[in-house]
mmCIF file of all heavy atoms, coordinates in Angstrom:
data_MODEL
# 
_entry.id   MODEL 
# 
loop_
_atom_site.group_PDB 
_atom_site.id 
_atom_site.type_symbol 
_atom_site.label_atom_id 
_atom_site.label_alt_id 
_atom_site.label_comp_id 
_atom_site.label_asym_id 
_atom_site.label_entity_id 
_atom_site.label_seq_id 
_atom_site.pdbx_PDB_ins_code 
_atom_site.Cartn_x 
_atom_site.Cartn_y 
_atom_site.Cartn_z 
_atom_site.occupancy 
_atom_site.B_iso_or_equiv 
_atom_site.pdbx_formal_charge 
_atom_site.auth_seq_id 
_atom_site.auth_comp_id 
_atom_site.auth_asym_id 
_atom_site.auth_atom_id 
_atom_site.pdbx_PDB_model_num 
ATOM 1   N N   . GLY A 1 1  ? 5.588   -5.480 -8.438  1.00 0.00 ? 1  GLY A N   1 
ATOM 2   C CA  . GLY A 1 1  ? 6.786   -5.743 -7.838  1.00 0.00 ? 1  GLY A CA  1 
ATOM 3   C C   . GLY A 1 1  ? 7.896   -5.657 -8.891  1.00 0.00 ? 1  GLY A C   1 
ATOM 4   O O   . GLY A 1 1  ? 9.021   -5.190 -8.603  1.00 0.00 ? 1  GLY A O   1 
ATOM 5   N N   . ASP A 1 2  ? 7.618   -6.394 -10.014 1.00 0.00 ? 2  ASP A N   1 
ATOM 6   C CA  . ASP A 1 2  ? 8.599   -6.361 -11.088 1.00 0.00 ? 2  ASP A CA  1 
ATOM 7   C C   . ASP A 1 2  ? 8.837   -5.007 -11.656 1.00 0.00 ? 2  ASP A C   1 
ATOM 8   O O   . ASP A 1 2  ? 9.937   -4.681 -12.141 1.00 0.00 ? 2  ASP A O   1 
ATOM 9   C CB  . ASP A 1 2  ? 8.186   -7.391 -12.207 1.00 0.00 ? 2  ASP A CB  1 
ATOM 10  C CG  . ASP A 1 2  ? 8.525   -8.794 -11.848 1.00 0.00 ? 2  ASP A CG  1 
ATOM 11  O OD1 . ASP A 1 2  ? 9.393   -9.048 -10.993 1.00 0.00 ? 2  ASP A OD1 1 
ATOM 12  O OD2 . ASP A 1 2  ? 7.768   -9.705 -12.329 1.00 0.00 ? 2  ASP A OD2 1 
ATOM 13  N N   . ALA A 1 3  ? 7.788   -4.129 -11.731 1.00 0.00 ? 3  ALA A N   1 
ATOM 14  C CA  . ALA A 1 3  ? 7.911   -2.872 -12.363 1.00 0.00 ? 3  ALA A CA  1 
ATOM 15  C C   . ALA A 1 3  ? 8.475   -1.812 -11.454 1.00 0.00 ? 3  ALA A C   1 
ATOM 16  O O   . ALA A 1 3  ? 9.434   -0.996 -11.886 1.00 0.00 ? 3  ALA A O   1 
ATOM 17  C CB  . ALA A 1 3  ? 6.492   -2.356 -12.777 1.00 0.00 ? 3  ALA A CB  1 
ATOM 18  N N   . ILE A 1 4  ? 8.220   -1.749 -10.259 1.00 0.00 ? 4  ILE A N   1 
ATOM 19  C CA  . ILE A 1 4  ? 8.709   -0.549 -9.385  1.00 0.00 ? 4  ILE A CA  1 
ATOM 20  C C   . ILE A 1 4  ? 9.534   -1.126 -8.176  1.00 0.00 ? 4  ILE A C   1 
ATOM 21  O O   . ILE A 1 4  ? 10.046  -0.305 -7.360  1.00 0.00 ? 4  ILE A O   1 
ATOM 22  C CB  . ILE A 1 4  ? 7.579   0.261  -8.865  1.00 0.00 ? 4  ILE A CB  1 
ATOM 23  C CG1 . ILE A 1 4  ? 6.703   -0.601 -7.871  1.00 0.00 ? 4  ILE A CG1 1 
ATOM 24  C CG2 . ILE A 1 4  ? 6.799   0.851  -9.964  1.00 0.00 ? 4  ILE A CG2 1 
ATOM 25  C CD1 . ILE A 1 4  ? 5.502   0.301  -7.250  1.00 0.00 ? 4  ILE A CD1 1 
ATOM 26  N N   . GLY A 1 5  ? 9.676   -2.345 -7.919  1.00 0.00 ? 5  GLY A N   1 
ATOM 27  C CA  . GLY A 1 5  ? 10.370  -2.971 -6.919  1.00 0.00 ? 5  GLY A CA  1 
ATOM 28  C C   . GLY A 1 5  ? 9.508   -3.423 -5.662  1.00 0.00 ? 5  GLY A C   1 
ATOM 29  O O   . GLY A 1 5  ? 8.431   -2.803 -5.501  1.00 0.00 ? 5  GLY A O   1 
ATOM 30  N N   . HIS A 1 6  ? 9.911   -4.527 -5.084  1.00 0.00 ? 6  HIS A N   1 
ATOM 31  C CA  . HIS A 1 6  ? 9.179   -5.214 -4.124  1.00 0.00 ? 6  HIS A CA  1 
ATOM 32  C C   . HIS A 1 6  ? 8.941   -4.331 -2.831  1.00 0.00 ? 6  HIS A C   1 
ATOM 33  O O   . HIS A 1 6  ? 7.966   -4.273 -2.234  1.00 0.00 ? 6  HIS A O   1 
ATOM 34  C CB  . HIS A 1 6  ? 9.701   -6.537 -3.741  1.00 0.00 ? 6  HIS A CB  1 
ATOM 35  C CG  . HIS A 1 6  ? 11.178  -6.546 -3.506  1.00 0.00 ? 6  HIS A CG  1 
ATOM 36  N ND1 . HIS A 1 6  ? 11.733  -6.072 -2.390  1.00 0.00 ? 6  HIS A ND1 1 
ATOM 37  C CD2 . HIS A 1 6  ? 12.117  -7.032 -4.318  1.00 0.00 ? 6  HIS A CD2 1 
ATOM 38  C CE1 . HIS A 1 6  ? 13.076  -6.175 -2.572  1.00 0.00 ? 6  HIS A CE1 1 
ATOM 39  N NE2 . HIS A 1 6  ? 13.343  -6.738 -3.608  1.00 0.00 ? 6  HIS A NE2 1 
ATOM 40  N N   . GLY A 1 7  ? 10.031  -3.543 -2.572  1.00 0.00 ? 7  GLY A N   1 
ATOM 41  C CA  . GLY A 1 7  ? 9.904   -2.711 -1.292  1.00 0.00 ? 7  GLY A CA  1 
ATOM 42  C C   . GLY A 1 7  ? 8.960   -1.547 -1.428  1.00 0.00 ? 7  GLY A C   1 
ATOM 43  O O   . GLY A 1 7  ? 8.140   -1.241 -0.542  1.00 0.00 ? 7  GLY A O   1 
ATOM 44  N N   . THR A 1 8  ? 8.915   -0.894 -2.541  1.00 0.00 ? 8  THR A N   1 
ATOM 45  C CA  . THR A 1 8  ? 7.996   0.159  -2.924  1.00 0.00 ? 8  THR A CA  1 
ATOM 46  C C   . THR A 1 8  ? 6.569   -0.391 -2.998  1.00 0.00 ? 8  THR A C   1 
ATOM 47  O O   . THR A 1 8  ? 5.584   0.316  -2.370  1.00 0.00 ? 8  THR A O   1 
ATOM 48  C CB  . THR A 1 8  ? 8.379   0.828  -4.270  1.00 0.00 ? 8  THR A CB  1 
ATOM 49  O OG1 . THR A 1 8  ? 9.768   1.283  -4.168  1.00 0.00 ? 8  THR A OG1 1 
ATOM 50  C CG2 . THR A 1 8  ? 7.380   1.991  -4.504  1.00 0.00 ? 8  THR A CG2 1 
ATOM 51  N N   . ALA A 1 9  ? 6.374   -1.569 -3.520  1.00 0.00 ? 9  ALA A N   1 
ATOM 52  C CA  . ALA A 1 9  ? 5.006   -2.161 -3.634  1.00 0.00 ? 9  ALA A CA  1 
ATOM 53  C C   . ALA A 1 9  ? 4.510   -2.500 -2.174  1.00 0.00 ? 9  ALA A C   1 
ATOM 54  O O   . ALA A 1 9  ? 3.384   -2.202 -1.874  1.00 0.00 ? 9  ALA A O   1 
ATOM 55  C CB  . ALA A 1 9  ? 5.055   -3.395 -4.448  1.00 0.00 ? 9  ALA A CB  1 
ATOM 56  N N   . MET A 1 10 ? 5.440   -2.937 -1.350  1.00 0.00 ? 10 MET A N   1 
ATOM 57  C CA  . MET A 1 10 ? 5.010   -3.226 0.073   1.00 0.00 ? 10 MET A CA  1 
ATOM 58  C C   . MET A 1 10 ? 4.563   -1.919 0.783   1.00 0.00 ? 10 MET A C   1 
ATOM 59  O O   . MET A 1 10 ? 3.579   -1.936 1.516   1.00 0.00 ? 10 MET A O   1 
ATOM 60  C CB  . MET A 1 10 ? 6.227   -3.901 0.740   1.00 0.00 ? 10 MET A CB  1 
ATOM 61  C CG  . MET A 1 10 ? 6.405   -5.341 0.551   1.00 0.00 ? 10 MET A CG  1 
ATOM 62  S SD  . MET A 1 10 ? 5.435   -6.394 1.598   1.00 0.00 ? 10 MET A SD  1 
ATOM 63  C CE  . MET A 1 10 ? 6.283   -6.035 3.166   1.00 0.00 ? 10 MET A CE  1 
ATOM 64  N N   . ALA A 1 11 ? 5.358   -0.874 0.638   1.00 0.00 ? 11 ALA A N   1 
ATOM 65  C CA  . ALA A 1 11 ? 5.002   0.398  1.322   1.00 0.00 ? 11 ALA A CA  1 
ATOM 66  C C   . ALA A 1 11 ? 3.634   0.885  0.760   1.00 0.00 ? 11 ALA A C   1 
ATOM 67  O O   . ALA A 1 11 ? 2.860   1.458  1.574   1.00 0.00 ? 11 ALA A O   1 
ATOM 68  C CB  . ALA A 1 11 ? 6.152   1.476  1.027   1.00 0.00 ? 11 ALA A CB  1 
ATOM 69  N N   . LEU A 1 12 ? 3.479   0.863  -0.543  1.00 0.00 ? 12 LEU A N   1 
ATOM 70  C CA  . LEU A 1 12 ? 2.207   1.389  -1.097  1.00 0.00 ? 12 LEU A CA  1 
ATOM 71  C C   . LEU A 1 12 ? 0.936   0.558  -0.619  1.00 0.00 ? 12 LEU A C   1 
ATOM 72  O O   . LEU A 1 12 ? -0.168  1.180  -0.353  1.00 0.00 ? 12 LEU A O   1 
ATOM 73  C CB  . LEU A 1 12 ? 2.177   1.298  -2.590  1.00 0.00 ? 12 LEU A CB  1 
ATOM 74  C CG  . LEU A 1 12 ? 3.100   2.334  -3.245  1.00 0.00 ? 12 LEU A CG  1 
ATOM 75  C CD1 . LEU A 1 12 ? 3.154   2.080  -4.774  1.00 0.00 ? 12 LEU A CD1 1 
ATOM 76  C CD2 . LEU A 1 12 ? 2.620   3.806  -2.968  1.00 0.00 ? 12 LEU A CD2 1 
ATOM 77  N N   . ALA A 1 13 ? 1.214   -0.755 -0.317  1.00 0.00 ? 13 ALA A N   1 
ATOM 78  C CA  . ALA A 1 13 ? 0.056   -1.539 0.117   1.00 0.00 ? 13 ALA A CA  1 
ATOM 79  C C   . ALA A 1 13 ? -0.523  -1.182 1.513   1.00 0.00 ? 13 ALA A C   1 
ATOM 80  O O   . ALA A 1 13 ? -1.551  -1.445 1.736   1.00 0.00 ? 13 ALA A O   1 
ATOM 81  C CB  . ALA A 1 13 ? 0.538   -3.029 0.084   1.00 0.00 ? 13 ALA A CB  1 
ATOM 82  N N   . ALA A 1 14 ? 0.387   -0.537 2.345   1.00 0.00 ? 14 ALA A N   1 
ATOM 83  C CA  . ALA A 1 14 ? -0.142  -0.118 3.690   1.00 0.00 ? 14 ALA A CA  1 
ATOM 84  C C   . ALA A 1 14 ? -1.324  0.779  3.592   1.00 0.00 ? 14 ALA A C   1 
ATOM 85  O O   . ALA A 1 14 ? -2.101  1.008  4.476   1.00 0.00 ? 14 ALA A O   1 
ATOM 86  C CB  . ALA A 1 14 ? 1.085   0.550  4.415   1.00 0.00 ? 14 ALA A CB  1 
ATOM 87  N N   . ALA A 1 15 ? -1.457  1.428  2.333   1.00 0.00 ? 15 ALA A N   1 
ATOM 88  C CA  . ALA A 1 15 ? -2.574  2.347  2.281   1.00 0.00 ? 15 ALA A CA  1 
ATOM 89  C C   . ALA A 1 15 ? -3.873  1.709  2.286   1.00 0.00 ? 15 ALA A C   1 
ATOM 90  O O   . ALA A 1 15 ? -4.908  2.216  2.596   1.00 0.00 ? 15 ALA A O   1 
ATOM 91  C CB  . ALA A 1 15 ? -2.577  3.148  0.973   1.00 0.00 ? 15 ALA A CB  1 
ATOM 92  N N   . GLY A 1 16 ? -3.996  0.229  2.167   1.00 0.00 ? 16 GLY A N   1 
ATOM 93  C CA  . GLY A 1 16 ? -5.182  -0.449 2.208   1.00 0.00 ? 16 GLY A CA  1 
ATOM 94  C C   . GLY A 1 16 ? -5.889  -0.275 3.598   1.00 0.00 ? 16 GLY A C   1 
ATOM 95  O O   . GLY A 1 16 ? -6.990  -0.044 3.810   1.00 0.00 ? 16 GLY A O   1 
ATOM 96  N N   . PHE A 1 17 ? -4.993  -0.508 4.717   1.00 0.00 ? 17 PHE A N   1 
ATOM 97  C CA  . PHE A 1 17 ? -5.555  -0.351 6.035   1.00 0.00 ? 17 PHE A CA  1 
ATOM 98  C C   . PHE A 1 17 ? -5.888  1.115  6.249   1.00 0.00 ? 17 PHE A C   1 
ATOM 99  O O   . PHE A 1 17 ? -6.813  1.447  7.057   1.00 0.00 ? 17 PHE A O   1 
ATOM 100 C CB  . PHE A 1 17 ? -4.546  -0.842 7.065   1.00 0.00 ? 17 PHE A CB  1 
ATOM 101 C CG  . PHE A 1 17 ? -4.487  -2.321 7.217   1.00 0.00 ? 17 PHE A CG  1 
ATOM 102 C CD1 . PHE A 1 17 ? -5.195  -3.195 6.455   1.00 0.00 ? 17 PHE A CD1 1 
ATOM 103 C CD2 . PHE A 1 17 ? -3.685  -2.858 8.278   1.00 0.00 ? 17 PHE A CD2 1 
ATOM 104 C CE1 . PHE A 1 17 ? -5.162  -4.501 6.573   1.00 0.00 ? 17 PHE A CE1 1 
ATOM 105 C CE2 . PHE A 1 17 ? -3.780  -4.298 8.466   1.00 0.00 ? 17 PHE A CE2 1 
ATOM 106 C CZ  . PHE A 1 17 ? -4.329  -5.094 7.549   1.00 0.00 ? 17 PHE A CZ  1 
ATOM 107 N N   . GLY A 1 18 ? -5.067  2.051  5.833   1.00 0.00 ? 18 GLY A N   1 
ATOM 108 C CA  . GLY A 1 18 ? -5.344  3.473  6.092   1.00 0.00 ? 18 GLY A CA  1 
ATOM 109 C C   . GLY A 1 18 ? -6.693  3.891  5.435   1.00 0.00 ? 18 GLY A C   1 
ATOM 110 O O   . GLY A 1 18 ? -7.454  4.684  5.998   1.00 0.00 ? 18 GLY A O   1 
ATOM 111 N N   . PHE A 1 19 ? -7.036  3.389  4.265   1.00 0.00 ? 19 PHE A N   1 
ATOM 112 C CA  . PHE A 1 19 ? -8.333  3.688  3.592   1.00 0.00 ? 19 PHE A CA  1 
ATOM 113 C C   . PHE A 1 19 ? -9.457  3.227  4.420   1.00 0.00 ? 19 PHE A C   1 
ATOM 114 O O   . PHE A 1 19 ? -10.500 3.980  4.648   1.00 0.00 ? 19 PHE A O   1 
ATOM 115 C CB  . PHE A 1 19 ? -8.410  2.994  2.159   1.00 0.00 ? 19 PHE A CB  1 
ATOM 116 C CG  . PHE A 1 19 ? -9.762  3.162  1.613   1.00 0.00 ? 19 PHE A CG  1 
ATOM 117 C CD1 . PHE A 1 19 ? -10.159 4.208  0.841   1.00 0.00 ? 19 PHE A CD1 1 
ATOM 118 C CD2 . PHE A 1 19 ? -10.736 2.056  1.727   1.00 0.00 ? 19 PHE A CD2 1 
ATOM 119 C CE1 . PHE A 1 19 ? -11.399 4.377  0.332   1.00 0.00 ? 19 PHE A CE1 1 
ATOM 120 C CE2 . PHE A 1 19 ? -11.946 2.151  1.164   1.00 0.00 ? 19 PHE A CE2 1 
ATOM 121 C CZ  . PHE A 1 19 ? -12.278 3.333  0.458   1.00 0.00 ? 19 PHE A CZ  1 
ATOM 122 N N   . THR A 1 20 ? -9.332  1.988  5.029   1.00 0.00 ? 20 THR A N   1 
ATOM 123 C CA  . THR A 1 20 ? -10.449 1.612  5.873   1.00 0.00 ? 20 THR A CA  1 
ATOM 124 C C   . THR A 1 20 ? -10.672 2.410  7.014   1.00 0.00 ? 20 THR A C   1 
ATOM 125 O O   . THR A 1 20 ? -11.883 2.852  7.427   1.00 0.00 ? 20 THR A O   1 
ATOM 126 C CB  . THR A 1 20 ? -10.147 0.147  6.377   1.00 0.00 ? 20 THR A CB  1 
ATOM 127 O OG1 . THR A 1 20 ? -9.999  -0.748 5.369   1.00 0.00 ? 20 THR A OG1 1 
ATOM 128 C CG2 . THR A 1 20 ? -11.126 -0.383 7.367   1.00 0.00 ? 20 THR A CG2 1 
ATOM 129 N N   . ALA A 1 21 ? -9.622  2.873  7.703   1.00 0.00 ? 21 ALA A N   1 
ATOM 130 C CA  . ALA A 1 21 ? -9.767  3.803  8.784   1.00 0.00 ? 21 ALA A CA  1 
ATOM 131 C C   . ALA A 1 21 ? -10.441 5.131  8.426   1.00 0.00 ? 21 ALA A C   1 
ATOM 132 O O   . ALA A 1 21 ? -11.387 5.656  9.076   1.00 0.00 ? 21 ALA A O   1 
ATOM 133 C CB  . ALA A 1 21 ? -8.497  4.056  9.495   1.00 0.00 ? 21 ALA A CB  1 
ATOM 134 N N   . ALA A 1 22 ? -9.980  5.744  7.275   1.00 0.00 ? 22 ALA A N   1 
ATOM 135 C CA  . ALA A 1 22 ? -10.469 7.032  6.855   1.00 0.00 ? 22 ALA A CA  1 
ATOM 136 C C   . ALA A 1 22 ? -11.962 6.893  6.385   1.00 0.00 ? 22 ALA A C   1 
ATOM 137 O O   . ALA A 1 22 ? -12.747 7.739  6.649   1.00 0.00 ? 22 ALA A O   1 
ATOM 138 C CB  . ALA A 1 22 ? -9.532  7.472  5.663   1.00 0.00 ? 22 ALA A CB  1 
ATOM 139 N N   . TYR A 1 23 ? -12.264 5.853  5.665   1.00 0.00 ? 23 TYR A N   1 
ATOM 140 C CA  . TYR A 1 23 ? -13.662 5.718  5.239   1.00 0.00 ? 23 TYR A CA  1 
ATOM 141 C C   . TYR A 1 23 ? -14.656 5.622  6.435   1.00 0.00 ? 23 TYR A C   1 
ATOM 142 O O   . TYR A 1 23 ? -15.774 6.258  6.293   1.00 0.00 ? 23 TYR A O   1 
ATOM 143 C CB  . TYR A 1 23 ? -13.765 4.462  4.286   1.00 0.00 ? 23 TYR A CB  1 
ATOM 144 C CG  . TYR A 1 23 ? -15.150 4.305  3.683   1.00 0.00 ? 23 TYR A CG  1 
ATOM 145 C CD1 . TYR A 1 23 ? -15.342 4.941  2.461   1.00 0.00 ? 23 TYR A CD1 1 
ATOM 146 C CD2 . TYR A 1 23 ? -16.168 3.600  4.223   1.00 0.00 ? 23 TYR A CD2 1 
ATOM 147 C CE1 . TYR A 1 23 ? -16.640 4.828  1.786   1.00 0.00 ? 23 TYR A CE1 1 
ATOM 148 C CE2 . TYR A 1 23 ? -17.436 3.453  3.697   1.00 0.00 ? 23 TYR A CE2 1 
ATOM 149 C CZ  . TYR A 1 23 ? -17.721 4.048  2.492   1.00 0.00 ? 23 TYR A CZ  1 
ATOM 150 O OH  . TYR A 1 23 ? -18.848 4.047  1.812   1.00 0.00 ? 23 TYR A OH  1 
ATOM 151 N N   . VAL A 1 24 ? -14.358 4.822  7.442   1.00 0.00 ? 24 VAL A N   1 
ATOM 152 C CA  . VAL A 1 24 ? -15.258 4.647  8.504   1.00 0.00 ? 24 VAL A CA  1 
ATOM 153 C C   . VAL A 1 24 ? -15.306 6.008  9.236   1.00 0.00 ? 24 VAL A C   1 
ATOM 154 O O   . VAL A 1 24 ? -16.459 6.371  9.764   1.00 0.00 ? 24 VAL A O   1 
ATOM 155 C CB  . VAL A 1 24 ? -14.611 3.540  9.470   1.00 0.00 ? 24 VAL A CB  1 
ATOM 156 C CG1 . VAL A 1 24 ? -15.681 3.507  10.759  1.00 0.00 ? 24 VAL A CG1 1 
ATOM 157 C CG2 . VAL A 1 24 ? -14.689 2.219  8.883   1.00 0.00 ? 24 VAL A CG2 1 
# 
C-alpha cells in the first residue's frame, strides 16, 4: 500500500477470490 497506493493494492487483492474459482 505504501509502495503502489492503497487503491491499487485493493484492486489486486480481488485476484485471490478469482484464483479460487479458476483452480476448482
